[in-house]
Amino acid sequence: TRLISLLHNIFLNIHGFNGLPYLIPVATLVLTKESIQAS
């Protein structure tokens, strides 16, 4: 349940934009090299 909640949190925050072009205050989704190598 915790993992599902976390996934919702990440996914909604990276897609919760408003207006075009989207004006975002911070990074949307940044992956690390280590995460790609592992997953």
Full PDB file with SEQRES, HELIX, SHEET, SSBOND, CRYST1, ORIGX, SCALE, CONECT and MASTER records, all heavy atoms in Angstrom:
SEQRES   1 A   39  THR ARG LEU ILE SER LEU LEU HIS ASN ILE PHE LEU ASN          
SEQRES   2 A   39  ILE HIS GLY PHE ASN GLY LEU PRO TYR LEU ILE PRO VAL          
SEQRES   3 A   39  ALA THR LEU VAL LEU THR LYS GLU SER ILE GLN ALA SER          
HELIX    1 AA1 ARG A    2  HIS A   15  1                                  14    
HELIX    2 AA2 LYS A   33  ALA A   38  1                                   6    
CRYST1    1.000    1.000    1.000  90.00  90.00  90.00 P 1           1          
ORIGX1      1.000000  0.000000  0.000000        0.00000                         
ORIGX2      0.000000  1.000000  0.000000        0.00000                         
ORIGX3      0.000000  0.000000  1.000000        0.00000                         
SCALE1      1.000000  0.000000  0.000000        0.00000                         
SCALE2      0.000000  1.000000  0.000000        0.00000                         
SCALE3      0.000000  0.000000  1.000000        0.00000                         
ATOM      1  N   THR A   1       0.826  -1.198   0.000  1.00  0.00           N  
ATOM      2  CA  THR A   1       0.000   0.000   0.000  1.00  0.00           C  
ATOM      3  C   THR A   1       0.862   1.251   0.000  1.00  0.00           C  
ATOM      4  O   THR A   1       0.570   2.231  -0.683  1.00  0.00           O  
ATOM      5  CB  THR A   1      -0.916   0.006   1.237  1.00  0.00           C  
ATOM      6  OG1 THR A   1      -1.718  -1.166   1.218  1.00  0.00           O  
ATOM      7  CG2 THR A   1      -1.806   1.244   1.247  1.00  0.00           C  
ATOM      8  N   ARG A   2       1.969   1.223   0.745  1.00  0.00           N  
ATOM      9  CA  ARG A   2       2.852   2.387   0.812  1.00  0.00           C  
ATOM     10  C   ARG A   2       3.466   2.675  -0.556  1.00  0.00           C  
ATOM     11  O   ARG A   2       3.570   3.823  -0.991  1.00  0.00           O  
ATOM     12  CB  ARG A   2       3.962   2.160   1.839  1.00  0.00           C  
ATOM     13  CG  ARG A   2       4.929   3.333   1.942  1.00  0.00           C  
ATOM     14  CD  ARG A   2       6.070   3.030   2.906  1.00  0.00           C  
ATOM     15  NE  ARG A   2       6.983   4.146   2.982  1.00  0.00           N  
ATOM     16  CZ  ARG A   2       7.934   4.407   2.096  1.00  0.00           C  
ATOM     17  NH1 ARG A   2       8.074   3.617   1.061  1.00  0.00           N  
ATOM     18  NH2 ARG A   2       8.727   5.455   2.235  1.00  0.00           N  
ATOM     19  N   LEU A   3       3.861   1.615  -1.277  1.00  0.00           N  
ATOM     20  CA  LEU A   3       4.470   1.808  -2.581  1.00  0.00           C  
ATOM     21  C   LEU A   3       3.462   2.381  -3.567  1.00  0.00           C  
ATOM     22  O   LEU A   3       3.779   3.288  -4.341  1.00  0.00           O  
ATOM     23  CB  LEU A   3       5.024   0.479  -3.106  1.00  0.00           C  
ATOM     24  CG  LEU A   3       5.678   0.516  -4.487  1.00  0.00           C  
ATOM     25  CD1 LEU A   3       6.818   1.518  -4.514  1.00  0.00           C  
ATOM     26  CD2 LEU A   3       6.184  -0.857  -4.868  1.00  0.00           C  
ATOM     27  N   ILE A   4       2.244   1.879  -3.531  1.00  0.00           N  
ATOM     28  CA  ILE A   4       1.209   2.412  -4.422  1.00  0.00           C  
ATOM     29  C   ILE A   4       0.966   3.883  -4.114  1.00  0.00           C  
ATOM     30  O   ILE A   4       0.841   4.721  -5.007  1.00  0.00           O  
ATOM     31  CB  ILE A   4      -0.099   1.611  -4.276  1.00  0.00           C  
ATOM     32  CG1 ILE A   4       0.104   0.184  -4.791  1.00  0.00           C  
ATOM     33  CG2 ILE A   4      -1.236   2.286  -5.032  1.00  0.00           C  
ATOM     34  CD1 ILE A   4       0.488   0.104  -6.261  1.00  0.00           C  
ATOM     35  N   SER A   5       0.908   4.230  -2.842  1.00  0.00           N  
ATOM     36  CA  SER A   5       0.711   5.613  -2.450  1.00  0.00           C  
ATOM     37  C   SER A   5       1.844   6.490  -2.960  1.00  0.00           C  
ATOM     38  O   SER A   5       1.632   7.597  -3.444  1.00  0.00           O  
ATOM     39  CB  SER A   5       0.612   5.705  -0.922  1.00  0.00           C  
ATOM     40  OG  SER A   5       0.538   7.044  -0.508  1.00  0.00           O  
ATOM     41  N   LEU A   6       3.065   5.977  -2.855  1.00  0.00           N  
ATOM     42  CA  LEU A   6       4.224   6.727  -3.309  1.00  0.00           C  
ATOM     43  C   LEU A   6       4.187   6.922  -4.818  1.00  0.00           C  
ATOM     44  O   LEU A   6       4.475   8.006  -5.337  1.00  0.00           O  
ATOM     45  CB  LEU A   6       5.502   5.992  -2.905  1.00  0.00           C  
ATOM     46  CG  LEU A   6       6.841   6.588  -3.343  1.00  0.00           C  
ATOM     47  CD1 LEU A   6       6.945   8.038  -2.908  1.00  0.00           C  
ATOM     48  CD2 LEU A   6       7.978   5.774  -2.759  1.00  0.00           C  
ATOM     49  N   LEU A   7       3.793   5.877  -5.543  1.00  0.00           N  
ATOM     50  CA  LEU A   7       3.691   5.991  -6.992  1.00  0.00           C  
ATOM     51  C   LEU A   7       2.663   7.047  -7.393  1.00  0.00           C  
ATOM     52  O   LEU A   7       2.896   7.858  -8.285  1.00  0.00           O  
ATOM     53  CB  LEU A   7       3.301   4.639  -7.595  1.00  0.00           C  
ATOM     54  CG  LEU A   7       4.425   3.610  -7.722  1.00  0.00           C  
ATOM     55  CD1 LEU A   7       3.838   2.225  -7.946  1.00  0.00           C  
ATOM     56  CD2 LEU A   7       5.350   3.975  -8.854  1.00  0.00           C  
ATOM     57  N   HIS A   8       1.529   7.053  -6.729  1.00  0.00           N  
ATOM     58  CA  HIS A   8       0.518   8.076  -6.988  1.00  0.00           C  
ATOM     59  C   HIS A   8       1.114   9.464  -6.759  1.00  0.00           C  
ATOM     60  O   HIS A   8       0.933  10.380  -7.555  1.00  0.00           O  
ATOM     61  CB  HIS A   8      -0.684   7.887  -6.056  1.00  0.00           C  
ATOM     62  CG  HIS A   8      -1.693   6.921  -6.569  1.00  0.00           C  
ATOM     63  ND1 HIS A   8      -2.687   7.279  -7.443  1.00  0.00           N  
ATOM     64  CD2 HIS A   8      -1.856   5.600  -6.349  1.00  0.00           C  
ATOM     65  CE1 HIS A   8      -3.437   6.233  -7.725  1.00  0.00           C  
ATOM     66  NE2 HIS A   8      -2.947   5.188  -7.075  1.00  0.00           N  
ATOM     67  N   ASN A   9       1.829   9.603  -5.638  1.00  0.00           N  
ATOM     68  CA  ASN A   9       2.401  10.885  -5.263  1.00  0.00           C  
ATOM     69  C   ASN A   9       3.351  11.388  -6.340  1.00  0.00           C  
ATOM     70  O   ASN A   9       3.253  12.529  -6.803  1.00  0.00           O  
ATOM     71  CB  ASN A   9       3.153  10.724  -3.934  1.00  0.00           C  
ATOM     72  CG  ASN A   9       3.514  12.045  -3.302  1.00  0.00           C  
ATOM     73  OD1 ASN A   9       3.450  13.079  -3.938  1.00  0.00           O  
ATOM     74  ND2 ASN A   9       3.910  12.000  -2.049  1.00  0.00           N  
ATOM     75  N   ILE A  10       4.258  10.539  -6.768  1.00  0.00           N  
ATOM     76  CA  ILE A  10       5.221  10.938  -7.794  1.00  0.00           C  
ATOM     77  C   ILE A  10       4.511  11.244  -9.106  1.00  0.00           C  
ATOM     78  O   ILE A  10       4.705  12.294  -9.720  1.00  0.00           O  
ATOM     79  CB  ILE A  10       6.269   9.827  -8.018  1.00  0.00           C  
ATOM     80  CG1 ILE A  10       7.094   9.612  -6.751  1.00  0.00           C  
ATOM     81  CG2 ILE A  10       7.183  10.180  -9.186  1.00  0.00           C  
ATOM     82  CD1 ILE A  10       8.025   8.415  -6.825  1.00  0.00           C  
ATOM     83  N   PHE A  11       3.652  10.305  -9.528  1.00  0.00           N  
ATOM     84  CA  PHE A  11       3.055  10.455 -10.852  1.00  0.00           C  
ATOM     85  C   PHE A  11       2.163  11.688 -10.942  1.00  0.00           C  
ATOM     86  O   PHE A  11       2.206  12.433 -11.920  1.00  0.00           O  
ATOM     87  CB  PHE A  11       2.269   9.207 -11.217  1.00  0.00           C  
ATOM     88  CG  PHE A  11       1.888   9.174 -12.670  1.00  0.00           C  
ATOM     89  CD1 PHE A  11       2.833   8.850 -13.628  1.00  0.00           C  
ATOM     90  CD2 PHE A  11       0.615   9.502 -13.065  1.00  0.00           C  
ATOM     91  CE1 PHE A  11       2.494   8.847 -14.971  1.00  0.00           C  
ATOM     92  CE2 PHE A  11       0.272   9.496 -14.401  1.00  0.00           C  
ATOM     93  CZ  PHE A  11       1.226   9.163 -15.356  1.00  0.00           C  
ATOM     94  N   LEU A  12       1.361  11.917  -9.912  1.00  0.00           N  
ATOM     95  CA  LEU A  12       0.474  13.078  -9.957  1.00  0.00           C  
ATOM     96  C   LEU A  12       1.250  14.381  -9.894  1.00  0.00           C  
ATOM     97  O   LEU A  12       0.900  15.362 -10.532  1.00  0.00           O  
ATOM     98  CB  LEU A  12      -0.540  13.008  -8.812  1.00  0.00           C  
ATOM     99  CG  LEU A  12      -1.641  11.961  -8.992  1.00  0.00           C  
ATOM    100  CD1 LEU A  12      -2.536  11.937  -7.766  1.00  0.00           C  
ATOM    101  CD2 LEU A  12      -2.466  12.248 -10.227  1.00  0.00           C  
ATOM    102  N   ASN A  13       2.337  14.394  -9.117  1.00  0.00           N  
ATOM    103  CA  ASN A  13       3.110  15.625  -9.018  1.00  0.00           C  
ATOM    104  C   ASN A  13       3.843  15.957 -10.313  1.00  0.00           C  
ATOM    105  O   ASN A  13       4.008  17.123 -10.650  1.00  0.00           O  
ATOM    106  CB  ASN A  13       4.101  15.531  -7.857  1.00  0.00           C  
ATOM    107  CG  ASN A  13       3.471  15.925  -6.541  1.00  0.00           C  
ATOM    108  OD1 ASN A  13       3.028  17.056  -6.396  1.00  0.00           O  
ATOM    109  ND2 ASN A  13       3.400  15.011  -5.597  1.00  0.00           N  
ATOM    110  N   ILE A  14       4.279  14.944 -11.068  1.00  0.00           N  
ATOM    111  CA  ILE A  14       4.978  15.259 -12.304  1.00  0.00           C  
ATOM    112  C   ILE A  14       4.009  15.564 -13.434  1.00  0.00           C  
ATOM    113  O   ILE A  14       4.408  16.097 -14.462  1.00  0.00           O  
ATOM    114  CB  ILE A  14       5.940  14.125 -12.736  1.00  0.00           C  
ATOM    115  CG1 ILE A  14       5.192  12.841 -13.067  1.00  0.00           C  
ATOM    116  CG2 ILE A  14       6.986  13.878 -11.676  1.00  0.00           C  
ATOM    117  CD1 ILE A  14       6.082  11.728 -13.588  1.00  0.00           C  
ATOM    118  N   HIS A  15       2.723  15.267 -13.237  1.00  0.00           N  
ATOM    119  CA  HIS A  15       1.749  15.567 -14.284  1.00  0.00           C  
ATOM    120  C   HIS A  15       0.688  16.575 -13.843  1.00  0.00           C  
ATOM    121  O   HIS A  15      -0.275  16.779 -14.554  1.00  0.00           O  
ATOM    122  CB  HIS A  15       1.068  14.276 -14.739  1.00  0.00           C  
ATOM    123  CG  HIS A  15       1.905  13.450 -15.646  1.00  0.00           C  
ATOM    124  ND1 HIS A  15       2.169  13.797 -16.943  1.00  0.00           N  
ATOM    125  CD2 HIS A  15       2.603  12.305 -15.432  1.00  0.00           C  
ATOM    126  CE1 HIS A  15       2.955  12.894 -17.504  1.00  0.00           C  
ATOM    127  NE2 HIS A  15       3.235  11.978 -16.600  1.00  0.00           N  
ATOM    128  N   GLY A  16       0.854  17.211 -12.714  1.00  0.00           N  
ATOM    129  CA  GLY A  16      -0.173  18.126 -12.248  1.00  0.00           C  
ATOM    130  C   GLY A  16       0.001  19.534 -12.747  1.00  0.00           C  
ATOM    131  O   GLY A  16       0.065  20.478 -11.974  1.00  0.00           O  
ATOM    132  N   PHE A  17       0.109  19.705 -14.054  1.00  0.00           N  
ATOM    133  CA  PHE A  17       0.397  21.019 -14.624  1.00  0.00           C  
ATOM    134  C   PHE A  17      -0.902  21.794 -14.865  1.00  0.00           C  
ATOM    135  O   PHE A  17      -1.977  21.247 -14.879  1.00  0.00           O  
ATOM    136  CB  PHE A  17       1.151  20.882 -15.937  1.00  0.00           C  
ATOM    137  CG  PHE A  17       2.363  20.009 -15.851  1.00  0.00           C  
ATOM    138  CD1 PHE A  17       2.561  19.014 -16.780  1.00  0.00           C  
ATOM    139  CD2 PHE A  17       3.286  20.178 -14.842  1.00  0.00           C  
ATOM    140  CE1 PHE A  17       3.672  18.200 -16.718  1.00  0.00           C  
ATOM    141  CE2 PHE A  17       4.394  19.378 -14.766  1.00  0.00           C  
ATOM    142  CZ  PHE A  17       4.597  18.380 -15.708  1.00  0.00           C  
ATOM    143  N   ASN A  18      -0.736  23.079 -15.131  1.00  0.00           N  
ATOM    144  CA  ASN A  18      -1.909  23.915 -15.383  1.00  0.00           C  
ATOM    145  C   ASN A  18      -1.571  24.948 -16.448  1.00  0.00           C  
ATOM    146  O   ASN A  18      -0.752  25.823 -16.220  1.00  0.00           O  
ATOM    147  CB  ASN A  18      -2.347  24.613 -14.093  1.00  0.00           C  
ATOM    148  CG  ASN A  18      -3.620  25.412 -14.304  1.00  0.00           C  
ATOM    149  OD1 ASN A  18      -4.444  25.064 -15.145  1.00  0.00           O  
ATOM    150  ND2 ASN A  18      -3.771  26.484 -13.563  1.00  0.00           N  
ATOM    151  N   GLY A  19      -2.180  24.860 -17.618  1.00  0.00           N  
ATOM    152  CA  GLY A  19      -1.943  25.833 -18.672  1.00  0.00           C  
ATOM    153  C   GLY A  19      -0.886  25.382 -19.663  1.00  0.00           C  
ATOM    154  O   GLY A  19      -0.099  24.488 -19.401  1.00  0.00           O  
ATOM    155  N   LEU A  20      -0.881  25.996 -20.844  1.00  0.00           N  
ATOM    156  CA  LEU A  20       0.105  25.699 -21.882  1.00  0.00           C  
ATOM    157  C   LEU A  20       0.795  26.987 -22.312  1.00  0.00           C  
ATOM    158  O   LEU A  20       0.127  27.973 -22.564  1.00  0.00           O  
ATOM    159  CB  LEU A  20      -0.581  25.058 -23.090  1.00  0.00           C  
ATOM    160  CG  LEU A  20      -1.045  23.620 -22.909  1.00  0.00           C  
ATOM    161  CD1 LEU A  20      -1.913  23.214 -24.107  1.00  0.00           C  
ATOM    162  CD2 LEU A  20       0.148  22.693 -22.811  1.00  0.00           C  
ATOM    163  N   PRO A  21       2.140  27.037 -22.472  1.00  0.00           N  
ATOM    164  CA  PRO A  21       3.004  25.939 -22.045  1.00  0.00           C  
ATOM    165  C   PRO A  21       2.991  25.798 -20.539  1.00  0.00           C  
ATOM    166  O   PRO A  21       2.741  26.758 -19.822  1.00  0.00           O  
ATOM    167  CB  PRO A  21       4.388  26.365 -22.553  1.00  0.00           C  
ATOM    168  CG  PRO A  21       4.340  27.838 -22.588  1.00  0.00           C  
ATOM    169  CD  PRO A  21       2.920  28.185 -22.946  1.00  0.00           C  
ATOM    170  N   TYR A  22       3.248  24.607 -20.050  1.00  0.00           N  
ATOM    171  CA  TYR A  22       3.229  24.360 -18.619  1.00  0.00           C  
ATOM    172  C   TYR A  22       4.335  25.155 -17.940  1.00  0.00           C  
ATOM    173  O   TYR A  22       5.489  25.104 -18.349  1.00  0.00           O  
ATOM    174  CB  TYR A  22       3.439  22.870 -18.330  1.00  0.00           C  
ATOM    175  CG  TYR A  22       2.409  21.975 -18.940  1.00  0.00           C  
ATOM    176  CD1 TYR A  22       2.788  20.817 -19.602  1.00  0.00           C  
ATOM    177  CD2 TYR A  22       1.061  22.265 -18.856  1.00  0.00           C  
ATOM    178  CE1 TYR A  22       1.843  19.970 -20.161  1.00  0.00           C  
ATOM    179  CE2 TYR A  22       0.116  21.429 -19.405  1.00  0.00           C  
ATOM    180  CZ  TYR A  22       0.506  20.285 -20.057  1.00  0.00           C  
ATOM    181  OH  TYR A  22      -0.427  19.456 -20.609  1.00  0.00           O  
ATOM    182  N   LEU A  23       3.988  25.883 -16.900  1.00  0.00           N  
ATOM    183  CA  LEU A  23       4.969  26.629 -16.112  1.00  0.00           C  
ATOM    184  C   LEU A  23       5.211  25.845 -14.835  1.00  0.00           C  
ATOM    185  O   LEU A  23       4.359  25.798 -13.956  1.00  0.00           O  
ATOM    186  CB  LEU A  23       4.460  28.032 -15.796  1.00  0.00           C  
ATOM    187  CG  LEU A  23       4.270  28.942 -17.008  1.00  0.00           C  
ATOM    188  CD1 LEU A  23       3.594  30.247 -16.593  1.00  0.00           C  
ATOM    189  CD2 LEU A  23       5.608  29.240 -17.665  1.00  0.00           C  
ATOM    190  N   ILE A  24       6.344  25.204 -14.734  1.00  0.00           N  
ATOM    191  CA  ILE A  24       6.618  24.342 -13.587  1.00  0.00           C  
ATOM    192  C   ILE A  24       7.631  25.002 -12.678  1.00  0.00           C  
ATOM    193  O   ILE A  24       8.614  25.574 -13.129  1.00  0.00           O  
ATOM    194  CB  ILE A  24       7.103  22.945 -14.035  1.00  0.00           C  
ATOM    195  CG1 ILE A  24       8.361  23.054 -14.899  1.00  0.00           C  
ATOM    196  CG2 ILE A  24       6.003  22.226 -14.791  1.00  0.00           C  
ATOM    197  CD1 ILE A  24       8.974  21.725 -15.230  1.00  0.00           C  
ATOM    198  N   PRO A  25       7.422  24.958 -11.368  1.00  0.00           N  
ATOM    199  CA  PRO A  25       8.364  25.603 -10.455  1.00  0.00           C  
ATOM    200  C   PRO A  25       9.630  24.802 -10.253  1.00  0.00           C  
ATOM    201  O   PRO A  25      10.665  25.348  -9.909  1.00  0.00           O  
ATOM    202  CB  PRO A  25       7.564  25.698  -9.149  1.00  0.00           C  
ATOM    203  CG  PRO A  25       6.593  24.563  -9.224  1.00  0.00           C  
ATOM    204  CD  PRO A  25       6.252  24.409 -10.668  1.00  0.00           C  
ATOM    205  N   VAL A  26       9.570  23.494 -10.435  1.00  0.00           N  
ATOM    206  CA  VAL A  26      10.720  22.634 -10.152  1.00  0.00           C  
ATOM    207  C   VAL A  26      10.781  21.529 -11.193  1.00  0.00           C  
ATOM    208  O   VAL A  26      10.023  21.501 -12.149  1.00  0.00           O  
ATOM    209  CB  VAL A  26      10.620  22.018  -8.742  1.00  0.00           C  
ATOM    210  CG1 VAL A  26      10.854  23.059  -7.683  1.00  0.00           C  
ATOM    211  CG2 VAL A  26       9.269  21.354  -8.538  1.00  0.00           C  
ATOM    212  N   ALA A  27      11.696  20.597 -10.973  1.00  0.00           N  
ATOM    213  CA  ALA A  27      11.873  19.508 -11.942  1.00  0.00           C  
ATOM    214  C   ALA A  27      10.634  18.634 -12.020  1.00  0.00           C  
ATOM    215  O   ALA A  27       9.946  18.429 -11.034  1.00  0.00           O  
ATOM    216  CB  ALA A  27      13.075  18.675 -11.535  1.00  0.00           C  
ATOM    217  N   THR A  28      10.358  18.105 -13.196  1.00  0.00           N  
ATOM    218  CA  THR A  28       9.254  17.169 -13.348  1.00  0.00           C  
ATOM    219  C   THR A  28       9.725  15.772 -12.962  1.00  0.00           C  
ATOM    220  O   THR A  28       9.498  15.314 -11.857  1.00  0.00           O  
ATOM    221  CB  THR A  28       8.721  17.205 -14.786  1.00  0.00           C  
ATOM    222  OG1 THR A  28       9.828  17.215 -15.699  1.00  0.00           O  
ATOM    223  CG2 THR A  28       7.894  18.444 -15.006  1.00  0.00           C  
ATOM    224  N   LEU A  29      10.419  15.089 -13.846  1.00  0.00           N  
ATOM    225  CA  LEU A  29      10.890  13.742 -13.525  1.00  0.00           C  
ATOM    226  C   LEU A  29      12.349  13.604 -13.946  1.00  0.00           C  
ATOM    227  O   LEU A  29      12.667  13.666 -15.130  1.00  0.00           O  
ATOM    228  CB  LEU A  29      10.045  12.683 -14.237  1.00  0.00           C  
ATOM    229  CG  LEU A  29      10.394  11.223 -13.930  1.00  0.00           C  
ATOM    230  CD1 LEU A  29      10.247  10.916 -12.444  1.00  0.00           C  
ATOM    231  CD2 LEU A  29       9.530  10.280 -14.750  1.00  0.00           C  
ATOM    232  N   VAL A  30      13.226  13.422 -12.961  1.00  0.00           N  
ATOM    233  CA  VAL A  30      14.655  13.228 -13.200  1.00  0.00           C  
ATOM    234  C   VAL A  30      15.021  11.828 -12.721  1.00  0.00           C  
ATOM    235  O   VAL A  30      14.729  11.459 -11.582  1.00  0.00           O  
ATOM    236  CB  VAL A  30      15.506  14.277 -12.450  1.00  0.00           C  
ATOM    237  CG1 VAL A  30      16.994  14.032 -12.686  1.00  0.00           C  
ATOM    238  CG2 VAL A  30      15.114  15.696 -12.875  1.00  0.00           C  
ATOM    239  N   LEU A  31      15.641  11.057 -13.598  1.00  0.00           N  
ATOM    240  CA  LEU A  31      16.117   9.727 -13.254  1.00  0.00           C  
ATOM    241  C   LEU A  31      17.632   9.758 -13.114  1.00  0.00           C  
ATOM    242  O   LEU A  31      18.306  10.520 -13.792  1.00  0.00           O  
ATOM    243  CB  LEU A  31      15.726   8.719 -14.335  1.00  0.00           C  
ATOM    244  CG  LEU A  31      14.239   8.624 -14.682  1.00  0.00           C  
ATOM    245  CD1 LEU A  31      14.029   7.656 -15.838  1.00  0.00           C  
ATOM    246  CD2 LEU A  31      13.420   8.211 -13.474  1.00  0.00           C  
ATOM    247  N   THR A  32      18.156   8.920 -12.247  1.00  0.00           N  
ATOM    248  CA  THR A  32      19.600   8.835 -12.103  1.00  0.00           C  
ATOM    249  C   THR A  32      20.144   7.719 -12.987  1.00  0.00           C  
ATOM    250  O   THR A  32      19.433   6.775 -13.335  1.00  0.00           O  
ATOM    251  CB  THR A  32      20.003   8.557 -10.648  1.00  0.00           C  
ATOM    252  OG1 THR A  32      19.521   7.253 -10.277  1.00  0.00           O  
ATOM    253  CG2 THR A  32      19.410   9.601  -9.711  1.00  0.00           C  
ATOM    254  N   LYS A  33      21.409   7.849 -13.338  1.00  0.00           N  
ATOM    255  CA  LYS A  33      22.068   6.797 -14.118  1.00  0.00           C  
ATOM    256  C   LYS A  33      21.979   5.465 -13.380  1.00  0.00           C  
ATOM    257  O   LYS A  33      21.723   4.414 -13.992  1.00  0.00           O  
ATOM    258  CB  LYS A  33      23.528   7.184 -14.352  1.00  0.00           C  
ATOM    259  CG  LYS A  33      24.349   6.144 -15.075  1.00  0.00           C  
ATOM    260  CD  LYS A  33      25.796   6.610 -15.220  1.00  0.00           C  
ATOM    261  CE  LYS A  33      26.674   5.557 -15.862  1.00  0.00           C  
ATOM    262  NZ  LYS A  33      28.083   6.010 -15.979  1.00  0.00           N  
ATOM    263  N   GLU A  34      22.148   5.497 -12.062  1.00  0.00           N  
ATOM    264  CA  GLU A  34      22.096   4.268 -11.272  1.00  0.00           C  
ATOM    265  C   GLU A  34      20.734   3.592 -11.381  1.00  0.00           C  
ATOM    266  O   GLU A  34      20.635   2.363 -11.431  1.00  0.00           O  
ATOM    267  CB  GLU A  34      22.425   4.554  -9.807  1.00  0.00           C  
ATOM    268  CG  GLU A  34      22.440   3.304  -8.947  1.00  0.00           C  
ATOM    269  CD  GLU A  34      22.726   3.582  -7.478  1.00  0.00           C  
ATOM    270  OE1 GLU A  34      22.866   4.763  -7.112  1.00  0.00           O  
ATOM    271  OE2 GLU A  34      22.799   2.612  -6.702  1.00  0.00           O  
ATOM    272  N   SER A  35      19.670   4.395 -11.413  1.00  0.00           N  
ATOM    273  CA  SER A  35      18.332   3.802 -11.490  1.00  0.00           C  
ATOM    274  C   SER A  35      18.114   3.087 -12.815  1.00  0.00           C  
ATOM    275  O   SER A  35      17.478   2.038 -12.864  1.00  0.00           O  
ATOM    276  CB  SER A  35      17.260   4.886 -11.293  1.00  0.00           C  
ATOM    277  OG  SER A  35      17.151   5.723 -12.436  1.00  0.00           O  
ATOM    278  N   ILE A  36      18.646   3.636 -13.890  1.00  0.00           N  
ATOM    279  CA  ILE A  36      18.515   2.993 -15.201  1.00  0.00           C  
ATOM    280  C   ILE A  36      19.348   1.720 -15.250  1.00  0.00           C  
ATOM    281  O   ILE A  36      18.910   0.677 -15.760  1.00  0.00           O  
ATOM    282  CB  ILE A  36      18.942   3.967 -16.311  1.00  0.00           C  
ATOM    283  CG1 ILE A  36      18.020   5.202 -16.335  1.00  0.00           C  
ATOM    284  CG2 ILE A  36      18.938   3.272 -17.668  1.00  0.00           C  
ATOM    285  CD1 ILE A  36      16.567   4.900 -16.596  1.00  0.00           C  
ATOM    286  N   GLN A  37      20.547   1.782 -14.697  1.00  0.00           N  
ATOM    287  CA  GLN A  37      21.405   0.595 -14.690  1.00  0.00           C  
ATOM    288  C   GLN A  37      20.793  -0.528 -13.858  1.00  0.00           C  
ATOM    289  O   GLN A  37      20.945  -1.704 -14.188  1.00  0.00           O  
ATOM    290  CB  GLN A  37      22.786   0.966 -14.162  1.00  0.00           C  
ATOM    291  CG  GLN A  37      23.576   1.867 -15.112  1.00  0.00           C  
ATOM    292  CD  GLN A  37      24.887   2.339 -14.528  1.00  0.00           C  
ATOM    293  OE1 GLN A  37      25.032   2.470 -13.311  1.00  0.00           O  
ATOM    294  NE2 GLN A  37      25.857   2.614 -15.389  1.00  0.00           N  
ATOM    295  N   ALA A  38      20.085  -0.153 -12.796  1.00  0.00           N  
ATOM    296  CA  ALA A  38      19.498  -1.172 -11.917  1.00  0.00           C  
ATOM    297  C   ALA A  38      18.162  -1.696 -12.425  1.00  0.00           C  
ATOM    298  O   ALA A  38      17.814  -2.851 -12.180  1.00  0.00           O  
ATOM    299  CB  ALA A  38      19.318  -0.590 -10.512  1.00  0.00           C  
ATOM    300  N   SER A  39      17.404  -0.856 -13.127  1.00  0.00           N  
ATOM    301  CA  SER A  39      16.013  -1.199 -13.431  1.00  0.00           C  
ATOM    302  C   SER A  39      15.686  -1.278 -14.908  1.00  0.00           C  
ATOM    303  O   SER A  39      14.594  -1.705 -15.276  1.00  0.00           O  
ATOM    304  CB  SER A  39      15.078  -0.168 -12.773  1.00  0.00           C  
ATOM    305  OG  SER A  39      15.383  -0.024 -11.402  1.00  0.00           O  
TER     306      SER A  39                                                      
MASTER        0    0    0    2    0    0    0    6  305    1    0    3          
END                                                                             
